[in-house]
Amino acid sequence: MKYFTLLLLALSIALTSCIDVNTKSASTQLEVAAFKSQEETTNKSATTTAEVRTDSKNSISLASWNIRDLGGSKDDKEIYQIAQVLRDFDLVAIQEVVAKDPKGAQAVAKIADALNRMGSKWDYRVSDPTQSPSVYKSERYAFLWKTSKVNLVTRPYLDSKLAAICDREPYIAHFKPKKGGDAFYIVNFHSRRFDAHPEEEIKHFIKYPERLQTRRVIIAGDFNLDEKHKVWDDFYKQGYKNALSETKTTLKLKCKYGMYKNHAIDNIYVTKDVKMTKTGSIDIVERCDQLDNARTLSDHLPVYIEFQ
């Protein structure tokens, strides 16, 4: 009887342990599945560089990219990788070009040079440093474009009327398609931090069609808030459209359960006379083991539109 009792006790412990392990395993599987489902939901607009070639001769493709600390921190290999990501676009707006020394502008020139070695002729412009509250917040912006696709109508400029309102006032360029079509303006912008109320900067952009005397305005950049923020409500009422919805565009420090994207803050907004035919973000990571390498380029993903 003693041995029988001990046997029953051992079986009971083993069964309890098995149930506990299975429960933990099932819980982990459900957690992973939930993360993957969330990632799939926020990854609808993600593409690779092979998928961004312009479909129509009458369309222009625009990429917007916050390239973190673009300056002396980027070596030749990273400059080449950046150019590889951008080569199939017609026009590029870059944020976070280093302003404290010439190395930011030099890095943009190196990207343009690398692009020119990839089959198309590119030109570029780099802004002066923004008139920011401190030198630590000041940055430059840049535009690069294929000369076969668009002409620069006038010299790009920093919006001095918003210099006292924005930590980094927008950089504005006026382009016209090379092969016919209406001219358009691009407002290139990098907002203040999300906890410093970037909406107080963004709300002033709604006046750009009136100020620029055009109905073809594209606002591109890193807004540090998503397309659902209430600041955009008045824009939508006036016919503006957002390129991306629920699309995470920043990169985490570490990958967990295959997830490496963080916040949906990079986007492109267009007035109703700009017809978008394709939108998306470029996944420069694709696999967890590539996250560290991708973050040497930037902690943001490029976003893009194709438009007419």
Protein backbone atom coordinates (compact mmCIF):
# COMPACT_ATOMS: atom_id res chain seq x y z
CA MET A 1 0.00 0.00 0.00
CA LYS A 2 2.92 2.35 0.82
CA TYR A 3 4.47 1.86 -2.61
CA PHE A 4 1.09 2.27 -4.31
CA THR A 5 0.55 5.59 -2.52
CA LEU A 6 4.00 6.82 -3.57
CA LEU A 7 3.31 5.80 -7.17
CA LEU A 8 0.04 7.74 -7.22
CA LEU A 9 1.82 10.80 -5.79
CA ALA A 10 4.55 10.64 -8.45
CA LEU A 11 1.99 10.32 -11.23
CA SER A 12 0.06 13.29 -9.85
CA ILE A 13 3.20 15.48 -9.79
CA ALA A 14 4.17 14.44 -13.32
CA LEU A 15 0.68 15.16 -14.64
CA THR A 16 0.58 18.60 -12.99
CA SER A 17 4.01 19.44 -14.40
CA CYS A 18 2.94 18.36 -17.89
CA ILE A 19 -0.20 20.48 -17.74
CA ASP A 20 1.82 23.47 -16.52
CA VAL A 21 4.37 23.11 -19.34
CA ASN A 22 1.65 22.73 -21.97
CA THR A 23 -0.20 25.74 -20.58
CA LYS A 24 2.95 27.86 -20.71
CA SER A 25 3.70 26.63 -24.23
CA ALA A 26 0.19 27.42 -25.39
CA SER A 27 0.38 30.84 -23.73
CA THR A 28 3.68 31.61 -25.46
CA GLN A 29 2.29 30.47 -28.81
CA LEU A 30 -0.75 32.72 -28.37
CA GLU A 31 1.53 35.64 -27.44
CA VAL A 32 3.69 35.10 -30.52
CA ALA A 33 0.61 34.78 -32.71
CA ALA A 34 -0.77 38.03 -31.32
CA PHE A 35 2.51 39.85 -32.03
CA LYS A 36 2.64 38.42 -35.56
CA SER A 37 -0.97 39.42 -36.20
CA GLN A 38 -0.22 42.95 -35.03
CA GLU A 39 2.90 43.10 -37.20
CA GLU A 40 0.97 41.92 -40.25
CA THR A 41 -1.69 44.58 -39.64
CA THR A 42 0.88 47.36 -39.45
CA ASN A 43 2.98 45.99 -42.32
CA LYS A 44 0.39 46.24 -45.10
CA SER A 45 2.21 49.07 -46.86
CA ALA A 46 5.73 47.69 -46.49
CA THR A 47 7.57 46.88 -49.70
CA THR A 48 11.11 46.22 -50.87
CA THR A 49 13.14 48.42 -53.20
CA ALA A 50 12.44 46.05 -56.09
CA GLU A 51 8.75 47.01 -55.98
CA VAL A 52 8.99 50.80 -56.24
CA ARG A 53 9.69 51.41 -59.90
CA THR A 54 7.33 53.99 -61.36
CA ASP A 55 4.50 52.32 -63.26
CA SER A 56 3.65 55.20 -65.61
CA LYS A 57 5.69 57.66 -67.64
CA ASN A 58 3.29 60.36 -66.43
CA SER A 59 3.83 59.55 -62.75
CA ILE A 60 6.45 60.83 -60.33
CA SER A 61 7.72 58.75 -57.41
CA LEU A 62 8.72 60.57 -54.23
CA ALA A 63 10.53 59.07 -51.24
CA SER A 64 10.81 60.76 -47.87
CA TRP A 65 13.40 59.52 -45.38
CA ASN A 66 14.64 60.64 -42.00
CA ILE A 67 18.23 59.41 -42.28
CA ARG A 68 19.41 59.63 -38.70
CA ASP A 69 22.48 61.80 -38.16
CA LEU A 70 23.32 62.00 -41.86
CA GLY A 71 26.86 63.29 -41.86
CA GLY A 72 30.29 62.08 -40.83
CA SER A 73 28.80 59.05 -39.06
CA LYS A 74 28.07 57.40 -42.44
CA ASP A 75 30.96 55.59 -44.11
CA ASP A 76 31.25 54.86 -47.83
CA LYS A 77 29.55 51.48 -47.51
CA GLU A 78 26.54 53.04 -45.76
CA ILE A 79 26.34 55.86 -48.31
CA TYR A 80 26.24 53.22 -51.06
CA GLN A 81 23.51 51.28 -49.24
CA ILE A 82 21.44 54.45 -48.84
CA ALA A 83 21.81 55.17 -52.56
CA GLN A 84 20.73 51.61 -53.38
CA VAL A 85 17.52 52.14 -51.43
CA LEU A 86 16.78 55.43 -53.21
CA ARG A 87 17.92 54.70 -56.77
CA ASP A 88 14.51 53.76 -58.23
CA PHE A 89 12.71 56.90 -57.04
CA ASP A 90 12.43 60.09 -59.07
CA LEU A 91 12.55 62.54 -56.19
CA VAL A 92 13.78 62.29 -52.60
CA ALA A 93 13.20 64.44 -49.51
CA ILE A 94 15.67 63.85 -46.66
CA GLN A 95 15.40 64.94 -43.03
CA GLU A 96 18.01 65.03 -40.25
CA VAL A 97 21.04 66.13 -42.24
CA VAL A 98 23.74 67.20 -39.79
CA ALA A 99 24.02 70.98 -39.50
CA LYS A 100 26.80 71.50 -36.93
CA ASP A 101 29.55 70.99 -39.52
CA PRO A 102 29.94 70.62 -43.32
CA LYS A 103 29.85 66.83 -43.12
CA GLY A 104 26.05 66.74 -43.43
CA ALA A 105 26.03 68.55 -46.77
CA GLN A 106 29.02 66.49 -47.86
CA ALA A 107 27.15 63.26 -47.09
CA VAL A 108 24.26 64.39 -49.31
CA ALA A 109 26.75 65.15 -52.09
CA LYS A 110 28.19 61.64 -51.69
CA ILE A 111 24.71 60.10 -51.97
CA ALA A 112 24.10 62.11 -55.15
CA ASP A 113 27.45 60.97 -56.53
CA ALA A 114 26.65 57.33 -55.75
CA LEU A 115 23.23 57.69 -57.42
CA ASN A 116 24.86 59.22 -60.50
CA ARG A 117 26.94 56.06 -60.82
CA MET A 118 23.83 53.88 -60.91
CA GLY A 119 22.50 54.78 -64.34
CA SER A 120 20.55 58.05 -63.99
CA LYS A 121 21.56 61.70 -63.69
CA TRP A 122 20.72 63.23 -60.32
CA ASP A 123 20.86 66.76 -58.94
CA TYR A 124 20.42 67.93 -55.35
CA ARG A 125 20.03 70.88 -52.99
CA VAL A 126 20.81 71.12 -49.29
CA SER A 127 19.25 73.70 -46.99
CA ASP A 128 21.01 76.07 -44.66
CA PRO A 129 20.86 75.06 -40.99
CA THR A 130 17.41 75.59 -39.52
CA GLN A 131 16.92 78.53 -37.15
CA SER A 132 16.31 76.30 -34.17
CA PRO A 133 16.08 77.20 -30.45
CA SER A 134 19.49 75.57 -29.93
CA VAL A 135 22.35 74.27 -32.04
CA TYR A 136 21.51 70.77 -30.80
CA LYS A 137 18.12 70.91 -32.51
CA SER A 138 19.27 72.58 -35.71
CA GLU A 139 19.44 70.40 -38.82
CA ARG A 140 19.56 70.66 -42.58
CA TYR A 141 17.17 69.18 -45.14
CA ALA A 142 17.90 67.93 -48.65
CA PHE A 143 16.17 67.27 -51.95
CA LEU A 144 17.56 64.96 -54.63
CA TRP A 145 15.95 64.34 -58.01
CA LYS A 146 16.41 62.70 -61.39
CA THR A 147 16.94 65.43 -63.96
CA SER A 148 15.16 63.31 -66.57
CA LYS A 149 11.94 63.35 -64.52
CA VAL A 150 11.55 66.81 -62.97
CA ASN A 151 12.84 70.36 -63.24
CA LEU A 152 13.47 72.58 -60.24
CA VAL A 153 11.38 75.70 -60.84
CA THR A 154 12.87 77.98 -58.18
CA ARG A 155 15.56 77.67 -55.54
CA PRO A 156 14.31 75.72 -52.47
CA TYR A 157 14.09 77.74 -49.27
CA LEU A 158 13.54 77.41 -45.54
CA ASP A 159 10.16 78.81 -44.50
CA SER A 160 11.28 81.84 -42.51
CA LYS A 161 7.67 82.72 -41.60
CA LEU A 162 7.53 79.57 -39.46
CA ALA A 163 11.05 79.83 -38.02
CA ALA A 164 9.78 81.25 -34.74
CA ILE A 165 7.05 78.59 -34.48
CA CYS A 166 8.85 75.41 -35.55
CA ASP A 167 11.96 73.96 -33.95
CA ARG A 168 13.06 73.17 -37.50
CA GLU A 169 11.22 75.26 -40.07
CA PRO A 170 10.19 73.38 -43.26
CA TYR A 171 12.25 73.35 -46.45
CA ILE A 172 10.14 74.06 -49.53
CA ALA A 173 10.84 73.19 -53.18
CA HIS A 174 8.88 73.85 -56.37
CA PHE A 175 9.15 71.24 -59.13
CA LYS A 176 7.62 70.66 -62.54
CA PRO A 177 7.43 67.29 -64.32
CA LYS A 178 9.85 67.09 -67.23
CA LYS A 179 7.40 65.47 -69.65
CA GLY A 180 4.30 67.55 -69.08
CA GLY A 181 1.97 67.84 -66.14
CA ASP A 182 1.31 70.43 -63.48
CA ALA A 183 3.96 71.82 -61.16
CA PHE A 184 3.86 71.00 -57.46
CA TYR A 185 5.41 72.04 -54.16
CA ILE A 186 7.06 69.72 -51.62
CA VAL A 187 7.22 70.78 -47.98
CA ASN A 188 10.02 68.82 -46.30
CA PHE A 189 9.67 68.71 -42.51
CA HIS A 190 11.05 67.19 -39.30
CA SER A 191 8.95 68.06 -36.26
CA ARG A 192 9.90 68.54 -32.66
CA ARG A 193 9.66 65.55 -30.28
CA PHE A 194 6.32 63.84 -29.74
CA ASP A 195 6.15 65.04 -26.11
CA ALA A 196 6.80 68.66 -27.14
CA HIS A 197 3.48 69.01 -29.00
CA PRO A 198 4.48 68.85 -32.67
CA GLU A 199 0.82 69.54 -33.54
CA GLU A 200 1.49 73.17 -32.60
CA GLU A 201 3.88 73.31 -35.56
CA ILE A 202 1.88 71.16 -37.98
CA LYS A 203 -1.39 73.09 -37.66
CA HIS A 204 0.14 76.01 -39.55
CA PHE A 205 0.79 73.90 -42.65
CA ILE A 206 -2.87 73.96 -43.58
CA LYS A 207 -2.31 77.44 -45.02
CA TYR A 208 0.28 76.31 -47.57
CA PRO A 209 -2.10 76.11 -50.57
CA GLU A 210 -3.09 79.72 -49.93
CA ARG A 211 0.42 80.91 -49.18
CA LEU A 212 1.98 79.12 -52.17
CA GLN A 213 -1.01 79.91 -54.42
CA THR A 214 -1.38 76.35 -55.61
CA ARG A 215 -3.65 73.36 -55.09
CA ARG A 216 -0.78 70.92 -55.53
CA VAL A 217 1.07 70.66 -52.21
CA ILE A 218 2.87 67.61 -50.80
CA ILE A 219 3.92 67.64 -47.14
CA ALA A 220 6.50 64.94 -46.41
CA GLY A 221 8.58 64.04 -43.41
CA ASP A 222 8.83 62.88 -39.83
CA PHE A 223 5.91 64.34 -37.88
CA ASN A 224 6.40 62.53 -34.56
CA LEU A 225 2.68 61.78 -34.47
CA ASP A 226 0.49 59.53 -36.58
CA GLU A 227 -2.19 60.19 -39.19
CA LYS A 228 -4.99 59.71 -36.63
CA HIS A 229 -3.94 62.66 -34.48
CA LYS A 230 -6.65 65.30 -34.26
CA VAL A 231 -4.36 67.95 -35.75
CA TRP A 232 -4.97 66.38 -39.16
CA ASP A 233 -8.79 66.59 -38.91
CA ASP A 234 -8.97 70.08 -40.45
CA PHE A 235 -6.57 68.98 -43.19
CA TYR A 236 -8.81 66.05 -44.11
CA LYS A 237 -11.84 68.35 -44.16
CA GLN A 238 -10.06 70.45 -46.77
CA GLY A 239 -9.38 67.40 -48.94
CA TYR A 240 -5.89 66.41 -47.81
CA LYS A 241 -5.10 62.71 -47.91
CA ASN A 242 -2.51 60.70 -46.01
CA ALA A 243 -0.33 58.23 -47.87
CA LEU A 244 0.07 55.68 -45.08
CA SER A 245 -2.36 54.32 -42.51
CA GLU A 246 -1.34 52.37 -39.42
CA THR A 247 2.13 51.84 -40.88
CA LYS A 248 4.99 51.71 -38.39
CA THR A 249 8.06 53.48 -39.75
CA THR A 250 10.60 53.58 -36.91
CA LEU A 251 12.89 50.76 -35.79
CA LYS A 252 13.21 49.23 -32.35
CA LEU A 253 16.57 48.59 -30.73
CA LYS A 254 15.89 44.86 -30.51
CA CYS A 255 13.75 42.38 -32.42
CA LYS A 256 11.18 40.32 -30.46
CA TYR A 257 8.97 37.62 -31.97
CA GLY A 258 9.95 38.89 -35.43
CA MET A 259 8.82 42.44 -34.64
CA TYR A 260 11.25 45.32 -35.12
CA LYS A 261 9.01 48.28 -36.02
CA ASN A 262 7.88 50.83 -33.47
CA HIS A 263 5.93 54.03 -34.31
CA ALA A 264 3.82 55.26 -37.25
CA ILE A 265 5.18 58.80 -37.47
CA ASP A 266 6.69 59.19 -40.97
CA ASN A 267 4.15 59.98 -43.67
CA ILE A 268 3.24 62.05 -46.72
CA TYR A 269 0.14 64.25 -46.96
CA VAL A 270 -1.18 65.67 -50.25
CA THR A 271 -3.82 68.16 -51.31
CA LYS A 272 -6.79 66.85 -53.29
CA ASP A 273 -5.34 67.91 -56.66
CA VAL A 274 -2.41 65.52 -56.19
CA LYS A 275 -3.52 62.04 -57.26
CA MET A 276 -1.64 59.27 -55.48
CA THR A 277 -1.46 56.02 -57.44
CA LYS A 278 0.82 54.05 -55.11
CA THR A 279 1.97 54.46 -51.50
CA GLY A 280 4.12 52.52 -49.08
CA SER A 281 7.18 52.22 -46.89
CA ILE A 282 10.45 50.51 -47.73
CA ASP A 283 11.44 47.75 -45.34
CA ILE A 284 15.21 48.09 -45.14
CA VAL A 285 15.34 45.37 -42.46
CA GLU A 286 13.19 42.40 -43.64
CA ARG A 287 14.79 39.99 -41.11
CA CYS A 288 15.69 40.26 -37.44
CA ASP A 289 19.32 39.42 -38.11
CA GLN A 290 19.53 42.51 -40.35
CA LEU A 291 18.18 44.98 -37.78
CA ASP A 292 21.55 46.13 -36.44
CA ASN A 293 22.89 46.70 -39.95
CA ALA A 294 19.76 48.61 -40.98
CA ARG A 295 20.00 50.85 -37.94
CA THR A 296 23.47 51.99 -39.06
CA LEU A 297 21.64 53.65 -41.96
CA SER A 298 18.73 55.01 -39.94
CA ASP A 299 16.21 54.26 -37.22
CA HIS A 300 13.45 55.22 -39.67
CA LEU A 301 12.12 53.54 -42.80
CA PRO A 302 11.70 55.49 -46.05
CA VAL A 303 8.10 56.21 -47.04
CA TYR A 304 6.97 56.95 -50.56
CA ILE A 305 4.19 57.84 -52.97
CA GLU A 306 3.72 57.66 -56.70
CA PHE A 307 1.57 60.51 -57.94
CA GLN A 308 0.31 62.48 -60.90
